[in-house]
Protein backbone atom coordinates (compact mmCIF):
# COMPACT_ATOMS: atom_id res chain seq x y z
CA UNK A 1 0.00 0.00 0.00
CA UNK A 2 1.02 3.63 -0.17
CA UNK A 3 3.17 5.49 2.30
CA UNK A 4 0.30 6.97 4.36
CA UNK A 5 0.08 6.11 8.03
CA UNK A 6 -2.90 4.22 9.38
CA UNK A 7 -4.29 7.38 11.01
CA UNK A 8 -4.01 9.26 7.70
CA UNK A 9 -5.87 6.47 5.93
CA UNK A 10 -8.56 6.43 8.62
CA UNK A 11 -9.01 10.18 8.20
CA UNK A 12 -9.22 9.88 4.41
CA UNK A 13 -11.84 7.15 4.72
CA UNK A 14 -13.90 9.24 7.15
CA UNK A 15 -13.77 12.16 4.70
CA UNK A 16 -15.44 9.92 2.12
CA UNK A 17 -18.52 9.95 4.40
CA UNK A 18 -18.78 6.23 4.96
CA UNK A 19 -21.66 5.50 7.28
CA UNK A 20 -21.15 2.81 9.87
CA UNK A 21 -23.99 0.41 10.69
CA UNK A 22 -25.45 0.69 14.16
CA UNK A 23 -26.60 -2.12 16.37
CA UNK A 24 -23.60 -3.61 18.09
CA UNK A 25 -21.69 -6.75 17.27
CA UNK A 26 -21.56 -7.87 13.66
CA UNK A 27 -21.83 -11.62 13.26
CA UNK A 28 -19.44 -13.42 10.93
CA UNK A 29 -20.68 -13.79 7.36
CA UNK A 30 -19.21 -15.85 4.51
CA UNK A 31 -17.61 -12.65 3.14
CA UNK A 32 -16.10 -11.78 6.54
CA UNK A 33 -14.70 -15.31 6.73
CA UNK A 34 -13.07 -14.85 3.31
CA UNK A 35 -11.56 -11.54 4.39
CA UNK A 36 -10.20 -13.13 7.57
CA UNK A 37 -8.67 -15.93 5.48
CA UNK A 38 -7.03 -13.30 3.26
CA UNK A 39 -5.66 -11.41 6.29
CA UNK A 40 -4.22 -14.65 7.68
CA UNK A 41 -2.62 -15.29 4.29
CA UNK A 42 -0.99 -11.84 4.44
CA UNK A 43 0.33 -12.55 7.94
CA UNK A 44 1.55 -16.10 7.55
CA UNK A 45 2.41 -16.69 3.91
CA UNK A 46 3.26 -13.28 2.49
CA UNK A 47 5.01 -11.94 5.60
CA UNK A 48 3.53 -8.47 5.12
CA UNK A 49 4.45 -5.79 7.65
CA UNK A 50 2.17 -5.19 10.60
CA UNK A 51 1.26 -1.77 9.20
CA UNK A 52 0.20 -3.31 5.88
CA UNK A 53 -1.90 -5.89 7.70
CA UNK A 54 -3.62 -3.21 9.78
CA UNK A 55 -4.32 -1.09 6.71
CA UNK A 56 -5.85 -3.99 4.78
CA UNK A 57 -7.87 -4.99 7.84
CA UNK A 58 -9.22 -1.46 8.34
CA UNK A 59 -10.13 -0.90 4.70
CA UNK A 60 -11.66 -4.33 4.15
CA UNK A 61 -13.61 -3.99 7.42
CA UNK A 62 -15.02 -0.65 6.28
CA UNK A 63 -15.96 -2.15 2.93
CA UNK A 64 -17.71 -5.11 4.60
CA UNK A 65 -19.61 -2.80 6.95
CA UNK A 66 -20.72 -0.69 3.99
CA UNK A 67 -21.74 -3.76 1.96
CA UNK A 68 -23.76 -5.18 4.85
CA UNK A 69 -25.44 -1.83 5.53
CA UNK A 70 -26.49 -1.77 1.88
CA UNK A 71 -27.65 -5.42 1.84
CA UNK A 72 -24.90 -6.51 -0.53
CA UNK A 73 -23.85 -10.11 -0.08
């Protein structure tokens, strides 16, 4: 990913006006399971830096929250 820090990326994402679903804990879905598998792949097989892992996790989590809020499977 680019050279931006995690806090810079978080700020940029917030400026895009993503809305976060309300209602507490989000249960695992097949898509969330796939994302978790991908994040484990980054950690264990690709050896990506911790910062890269956090960035992917944040951005994919935001995408999943958006998709669920918009009833996209």
